Amino acid sequence: MASVFITGSADGLGRLAAQRLVKLGHDVVLHGRDRRRAEEAMHAVPGARTALVGDLASIEETRALAEQANAAGPFQAVIHNAGVQSIHNAGVYRPNAPRPETVDGLEDTFAVNTLAPYLLTALITSPQRLVFLTSDLHQGGEPDLSDLQWRQRRSATTLNRAQRRRSGWRSAPSEMRW
């Protein structure tokens, strides 16, 4: 059976994927942004090997998480599930809304949803398969890297869409209609 690392596995789709993979006999390593979330993940997914800790809103902690993952690996698959959506860009452009920033001074949605998976992919020793769980980000977007911090554009999801389109990654979207 495969060894799989799942980010953001304390709840939602990450936890459901982890539970299913453990039930199928896979070796699953979980992730939580802090010790409490990692413990929640371990409690919710009996049979998982361990839970790693790292806040993906921090570049330093993301790098440390990659080191933990490499020590726990190698993995046949990494499932990038962790994500946030701030009020700043919750589907409506609000030019005067507070702009949530990380400890590194980055817009939080960009840091967690785009930069962290990129860093983890670059730093975790080559898994055979990468899985990116998302909503409808595969359906649109125009490549425009002139405003990475989303100070002028209306939607932080556009970069994720454009990144996948431009990169030529093969994608097999599975879509839920809300």
C-alpha atoms as a PDB file:
ATOM      1  CA  MET A   1       0.000   0.000   0.000  1.00  0.00           C
ATOM      2  CA  ALA A   2       1.026   3.599  -0.575  1.00  0.00           C
ATOM      3  CA  SER A   3       2.432   6.091   1.894  1.00  0.00           C
ATOM      4  CA  VAL A   4       0.463   9.353   1.679  1.00  0.00           C
ATOM      5  CA  PHE A   5       0.927  12.791   3.280  1.00  0.00           C
ATOM      6  CA  ILE A   6      -2.181  15.004   3.506  1.00  0.00           C
ATOM      7  CA  THR A   7      -2.032  18.687   4.416  1.00  0.00           C
ATOM      8  CA  GLY A   8      -4.990  20.187   6.252  1.00  0.00           C
ATOM      9  CA  SER A   9      -6.279  16.837   7.476  1.00  0.00           C
ATOM     10  CA  ALA A  10      -7.854  17.902  10.783  1.00  0.00           C
ATOM     11  CA  ASP A  11     -11.276  18.386   9.177  1.00  0.00           C
ATOM     12  CA  GLY A  12     -13.202  18.577   5.913  1.00  0.00           C
ATOM     13  CA  LEU A  13     -12.033  16.866   2.736  1.00  0.00           C
ATOM     14  CA  GLY A  14      -8.542  16.258   4.116  1.00  0.00           C
ATOM     15  CA  ARG A  15      -9.892  14.293   7.051  1.00  0.00           C
ATOM     16  CA  LEU A  16     -12.346  12.385   4.853  1.00  0.00           C
ATOM     17  CA  ALA A  17      -9.568  11.462   2.419  1.00  0.00           C
ATOM     18  CA  ALA A  18      -7.333  10.357   5.299  1.00  0.00           C
ATOM     19  CA  GLN A  19     -10.065   8.218   6.854  1.00  0.00           C
ATOM     20  CA  ARG A  20     -10.781   6.535   3.535  1.00  0.00           C
ATOM     21  CA  LEU A  21      -7.114   5.901   2.734  1.00  0.00           C
ATOM     22  CA  VAL A  22      -6.458   4.428   6.199  1.00  0.00           C
ATOM     23  CA  LYS A  23      -9.526   2.204   5.811  1.00  0.00           C
ATOM     24  CA  LEU A  24      -8.099   0.969   2.500  1.00  0.00           C
ATOM     25  CA  GLY A  25      -4.834   0.064   4.257  1.00  0.00           C
ATOM     26  CA  HIS A  26      -2.608   2.952   3.196  1.00  0.00           C
ATOM     27  CA  ASP A  27       0.077   4.460   5.427  1.00  0.00           C
ATOM     28  CA  VAL A  28      -1.227   7.980   6.076  1.00  0.00           C
ATOM     29  CA  VAL A  29       0.614  10.920   7.628  1.00  0.00           C
ATOM     30  CA  LEU A  30      -1.607  13.812   8.679  1.00  0.00           C
ATOM     31  CA  HIS A  31      -0.989  17.531   9.125  1.00  0.00           C
ATOM     32  CA  GLY A  32      -2.292  20.297  11.366  1.00  0.00           C
ATOM     33  CA  ARG A  33      -1.358  23.970  11.452  1.00  0.00           C
ATOM     34  CA  ASP A  34      -0.640  23.717  15.186  1.00  0.00           C
ATOM     35  CA  ARG A  35      -0.301  21.004  17.851  1.00  0.00           C
ATOM     36  CA  ARG A  36      -4.018  21.156  18.742  1.00  0.00           C
ATOM     37  CA  ARG A  37      -5.106  20.678  15.101  1.00  0.00           C
ATOM     38  CA  ALA A  38      -2.609  17.841  14.648  1.00  0.00           C
ATOM     39  CA  GLU A  39      -4.022  16.101  17.735  1.00  0.00           C
ATOM     40  CA  GLU A  40      -7.569  16.619  16.408  1.00  0.00           C
ATOM     41  CA  ALA A  41      -6.496  14.996  13.153  1.00  0.00           C
ATOM     42  CA  MET A  42      -4.973  11.990  14.953  1.00  0.00           C
ATOM     43  CA  HIS A  43      -8.121  11.572  17.052  1.00  0.00           C
ATOM     44  CA  ALA A  44     -10.382  11.788  13.968  1.00  0.00           C
ATOM     45  CA  VAL A  45      -8.319   9.353  11.868  1.00  0.00           C
ATOM     46  CA  PRO A  46      -7.536   6.232  13.912  1.00  0.00           C
ATOM     47  CA  GLY A  47      -4.825   4.215  12.218  1.00  0.00           C
ATOM     48  CA  ALA A  48      -2.930   7.175  10.783  1.00  0.00           C
ATOM     49  CA  ARG A  49       0.807   6.880  11.456  1.00  0.00           C
ATOM     50  CA  THR A  50       1.418  10.387  12.811  1.00  0.00           C
ATOM     51  CA  ALA A  51       0.499  14.046  12.373  1.00  0.00           C
ATOM     52  CA  LEU A  52       3.033  16.684  11.429  1.00  0.00           C
ATOM     53  CA  VAL A  53       2.751  20.295  12.593  1.00  0.00           C
ATOM     54  CA  GLY A  54       3.340  23.444  10.563  1.00  0.00           C
ATOM     55  CA  ASP A  55       1.474  26.665   9.870  1.00  0.00           C
ATOM     56  CA  LEU A  56       1.383  27.100   6.094  1.00  0.00           C
ATOM     57  CA  ALA A  57       0.895  30.851   6.562  1.00  0.00           C
ATOM     58  CA  SER A  58       4.576  31.010   7.556  1.00  0.00           C
ATOM     59  CA  ILE A  59       7.380  30.367   5.072  1.00  0.00           C
ATOM     60  CA  GLU A  60       9.665  29.247   7.910  1.00  0.00           C
ATOM     61  CA  GLU A  61       7.090  26.785   9.258  1.00  0.00           C
ATOM     62  CA  THR A  62       6.307  25.523   5.750  1.00  0.00           C
ATOM     63  CA  ARG A  63      10.015  24.772   5.225  1.00  0.00           C
ATOM     64  CA  ALA A  64      10.130  23.035   8.625  1.00  0.00           C
ATOM     65  CA  LEU A  65       7.041  21.010   7.666  1.00  0.00           C
ATOM     66  CA  ALA A  66       8.792  19.875   4.479  1.00  0.00           C
ATOM     67  CA  GLU A  67      11.750  18.731   6.600  1.00  0.00           C
ATOM     68  CA  GLN A  68       9.384  16.802   8.892  1.00  0.00           C
ATOM     69  CA  ALA A  69       7.716  15.242   5.857  1.00  0.00           C
ATOM     70  CA  ASN A  70      11.049  14.199   4.373  1.00  0.00           C
ATOM     71  CA  ALA A  71      11.982  12.585   7.696  1.00  0.00           C
ATOM     72  CA  ALA A  72       8.631  10.740   7.743  1.00  0.00           C
ATOM     73  CA  GLY A  73       8.722   9.823   4.017  1.00  0.00           C
ATOM     74  CA  PRO A  74       9.244   8.995   1.294  1.00  0.00           C
ATOM     75  CA  PHE A  75       5.662   9.352   0.122  1.00  0.00           C
ATOM     76  CA  GLN A  76       4.076   7.894  -2.964  1.00  0.00           C
ATOM     77  CA  ALA A  77       1.563  10.740  -2.874  1.00  0.00           C
ATOM     78  CA  VAL A  78       1.187  14.186  -1.342  1.00  0.00           C
ATOM     79  CA  ILE A  79      -2.338  15.551  -1.139  1.00  0.00           C
ATOM     80  CA  HIS A  80      -2.349  19.353  -0.931  1.00  0.00           C
ATOM     81  CA  ASN A  81      -5.630  20.031   0.815  1.00  0.00           C
ATOM     82  CA  ALA A  82      -4.964  22.822   3.323  1.00  0.00           C
ATOM     83  CA  GLY A  83      -6.446  26.144   2.350  1.00  0.00           C
ATOM     84  CA  VAL A  84      -7.987  29.351   3.603  1.00  0.00           C
ATOM     85  CA  GLN A  85     -10.298  31.975   2.212  1.00  0.00           C
ATOM     86  CA  SER A  86     -10.198  35.381   3.800  1.00  0.00           C
ATOM     87  CA  ILE A  87     -13.016  37.868   4.000  1.00  0.00           C
ATOM     88  CA  HIS A  88     -10.744  40.138   1.935  1.00  0.00           C
ATOM     89  CA  ASN A  89     -11.390  38.078  -1.182  1.00  0.00           C
ATOM     90  CA  ALA A  90     -14.444  35.982  -0.344  1.00  0.00           C
ATOM     91  CA  GLY A  91     -15.849  36.275  -3.836  1.00  0.00           C
ATOM     92  CA  VAL A  92     -16.602  39.990  -3.614  1.00  0.00           C
ATOM     93  CA  TYR A  93     -14.122  42.736  -4.333  1.00  0.00           C
ATOM     94  CA  ARG A  94     -13.847  44.975  -1.277  1.00  0.00           C
ATOM     95  CA  PRO A  95     -11.112  47.534  -1.964  1.00  0.00           C
ATOM     96  CA  ASN A  96     -11.274  49.006   1.566  1.00  0.00           C
ATOM     97  CA  ALA A  97     -11.547  45.713   3.470  1.00  0.00           C
ATOM     98  CA  PRO A  98      -8.719  44.887   5.850  1.00  0.00           C
ATOM     99  CA  ARG A  99      -6.031  42.881   4.094  1.00  0.00           C
ATOM    100  CA  PRO A 100      -5.069  39.880   6.262  1.00  0.00           C
ATOM    101  CA  GLU A 101      -1.331  39.300   6.109  1.00  0.00           C
ATOM    102  CA  THR A 102       0.917  36.531   7.337  1.00  0.00           C
ATOM    103  CA  VAL A 103       3.974  36.891   9.574  1.00  0.00           C
ATOM    104  CA  ASP A 104       5.949  37.220   6.315  1.00  0.00           C
ATOM    105  CA  GLY A 105       3.831  40.168   5.122  1.00  0.00           C
ATOM    106  CA  LEU A 106       2.042  38.149   2.432  1.00  0.00           C
ATOM    107  CA  GLU A 107      -1.690  38.130   1.771  1.00  0.00           C
ATOM    108  CA  ASP A 108      -2.888  35.086   3.729  1.00  0.00           C
ATOM    109  CA  THR A 109      -4.855  33.339   0.973  1.00  0.00           C
ATOM    110  CA  PHE A 110      -1.920  33.618  -1.426  1.00  0.00           C
ATOM    111  CA  ALA A 111       0.530  32.347   1.227  1.00  0.00           C
ATOM    112  CA  VAL A 112      -1.501  29.289   2.262  1.00  0.00           C
ATOM    113  CA  ASN A 113      -3.268  28.329  -0.972  1.00  0.00           C
ATOM    114  CA  THR A 114      -0.548  29.056  -3.530  1.00  0.00           C
ATOM    115  CA  LEU A 115       2.900  29.623  -2.067  1.00  0.00           C
ATOM    116  CA  ALA A 116       2.829  26.869   0.579  1.00  0.00           C
ATOM    117  CA  PRO A 117       1.855  24.046  -1.832  1.00  0.00           C
ATOM    118  CA  TYR A 118       4.529  25.294  -4.235  1.00  0.00           C
ATOM    119  CA  LEU A 119       7.191  25.273  -1.506  1.00  0.00           C
ATOM    120  CA  LEU A 120       6.140  21.868  -0.206  1.00  0.00           C
ATOM    121  CA  THR A 121       6.171  20.442  -3.734  1.00  0.00           C
ATOM    122  CA  ALA A 122       9.658  21.840  -4.281  1.00  0.00           C
ATOM    123  CA  LEU A 123      11.028  20.726  -0.894  1.00  0.00           C
ATOM    124  CA  ILE A 124       9.440  17.321  -0.245  1.00  0.00           C
ATOM    125  CA  THR A 125      11.477  14.530  -1.788  1.00  0.00           C
ATOM    126  CA  SER A 126       9.794  13.621  -5.075  1.00  0.00           C
ATOM    127  CA  PRO A 127       6.499  11.892  -4.434  1.00  0.00           C
ATOM    128  CA  GLN A 128       5.185   9.866  -7.362  1.00  0.00           C
ATOM    129  CA  ARG A 129       1.877  11.702  -7.337  1.00  0.00           C
ATOM    130  CA  LEU A 130       0.709  15.181  -6.340  1.00  0.00           C
ATOM    131  CA  VAL A 131      -2.974  15.806  -5.677  1.00  0.00           C
ATOM    132  CA  PHE A 132      -4.363  19.330  -5.303  1.00  0.00           C
ATOM    133  CA  LEU A 133      -7.792  19.486  -3.694  1.00  0.00           C
ATOM    134  CA  THR A 134      -9.638  22.650  -4.620  1.00  0.00           C
ATOM    135  CA  SER A 135     -13.068  23.959  -5.446  1.00  0.00           C
ATOM    136  CA  ASP A 136     -13.588  25.377  -8.926  1.00  0.00           C
ATOM    137  CA  LEU A 137     -10.146  26.902  -9.405  1.00  0.00           C
ATOM    138  CA  HIS A 138      -9.456  24.791 -12.477  1.00  0.00           C
ATOM    139  CA  GLN A 139     -12.217  26.470 -14.492  1.00  0.00           C
ATOM    140  CA  GLY A 140     -10.867  29.909 -15.227  1.00  0.00           C
ATOM    141  CA  GLY A 141      -8.219  32.525 -14.823  1.00  0.00           C
ATOM    142  CA  GLU A 142      -5.901  34.576 -16.928  1.00  0.00           C
ATOM    143  CA  PRO A 143      -2.144  34.381 -16.379  1.00  0.00           C
ATOM    144  CA  ASP A 144      -1.071  37.722 -14.934  1.00  0.00           C
ATOM    145  CA  LEU A 145       1.842  37.687 -12.547  1.00  0.00           C
ATOM    146  CA  SER A 146       2.070  41.478 -12.221  1.00  0.00           C
ATOM    147  CA  ASP A 147       0.146  41.566  -8.908  1.00  0.00           C
ATOM    148  CA  LEU A 148       1.080  38.492  -6.875  1.00  0.00           C
ATOM    149  CA  GLN A 149      -0.092  40.079  -3.631  1.00  0.00           C
ATOM    150  CA  TRP A 150      -3.576  40.814  -5.013  1.00  0.00           C
ATOM    151  CA  ARG A 151      -3.559  44.492  -4.198  1.00  0.00           C
ATOM    152  CA  GLN A 152      -5.261  45.460  -7.481  1.00  0.00           C
ATOM    153  CA  ARG A 153      -7.041  42.358  -8.756  1.00  0.00           C
ATOM    154  CA  ARG A 154     -10.455  41.173  -7.690  1.00  0.00           C
ATOM    155  CA  SER A 155      -9.922  37.505  -6.883  1.00  0.00           C
ATOM    156  CA  ALA A 156      -7.063  35.630  -5.246  1.00  0.00           C
ATOM    157  CA  THR A 157      -8.296  32.411  -6.837  1.00  0.00           C
ATOM    158  CA  THR A 158      -7.319  33.649 -10.295  1.00  0.00           C
ATOM    159  CA  LEU A 159      -3.615  33.004  -9.653  1.00  0.00           C
ATOM    160  CA  ASN A 160      -4.314  29.379  -8.729  1.00  0.00           C
ATOM    161  CA  ARG A 161      -6.364  28.954 -11.897  1.00  0.00           C
ATOM    162  CA  ALA A 162      -3.743  30.599 -14.072  1.00  0.00           C
ATOM    163  CA  GLN A 163      -0.929  28.627 -12.453  1.00  0.00           C
ATOM    164  CA  ARG A 164      -2.556  25.318 -13.310  1.00  0.00           C
ATOM    165  CA  ARG A 165      -3.424  26.405 -16.862  1.00  0.00           C
ATOM    166  CA  ARG A 166       0.014  27.760 -17.645  1.00  0.00           C
ATOM    167  CA  SER A 167       1.987  24.928 -16.051  1.00  0.00           C
ATOM    168  CA  GLY A 168       0.490  22.244 -18.274  1.00  0.00           C
ATOM    169  CA  TRP A 169      -0.278  20.059 -15.247  1.00  0.00           C
ATOM    170  CA  ARG A 170      -2.630  17.245 -15.977  1.00  0.00           C
ATOM    171  CA  SER A 171      -5.786  17.682 -13.997  1.00  0.00           C
ATOM    172  CA  ALA A 172      -8.717  15.421 -13.295  1.00  0.00           C
ATOM    173  CA  PRO A 173     -11.191  17.697 -11.538  1.00  0.00           C
ATOM    174  CA  SER A 174     -13.944  16.240  -9.443  1.00  0.00           C
ATOM    175  CA  GLU A 175     -16.529  18.898  -8.866  1.00  0.00           C
ATOM    176  CA  MET A 176     -19.207  19.356  -6.218  1.00  0.00           C
ATOM    177  CA  ARG A 177     -21.996  21.777  -7.023  1.00  0.00           C
ATOM    178  CA  TRP A 178     -22.768  23.858  -3.952  1.00  0.00           C
END
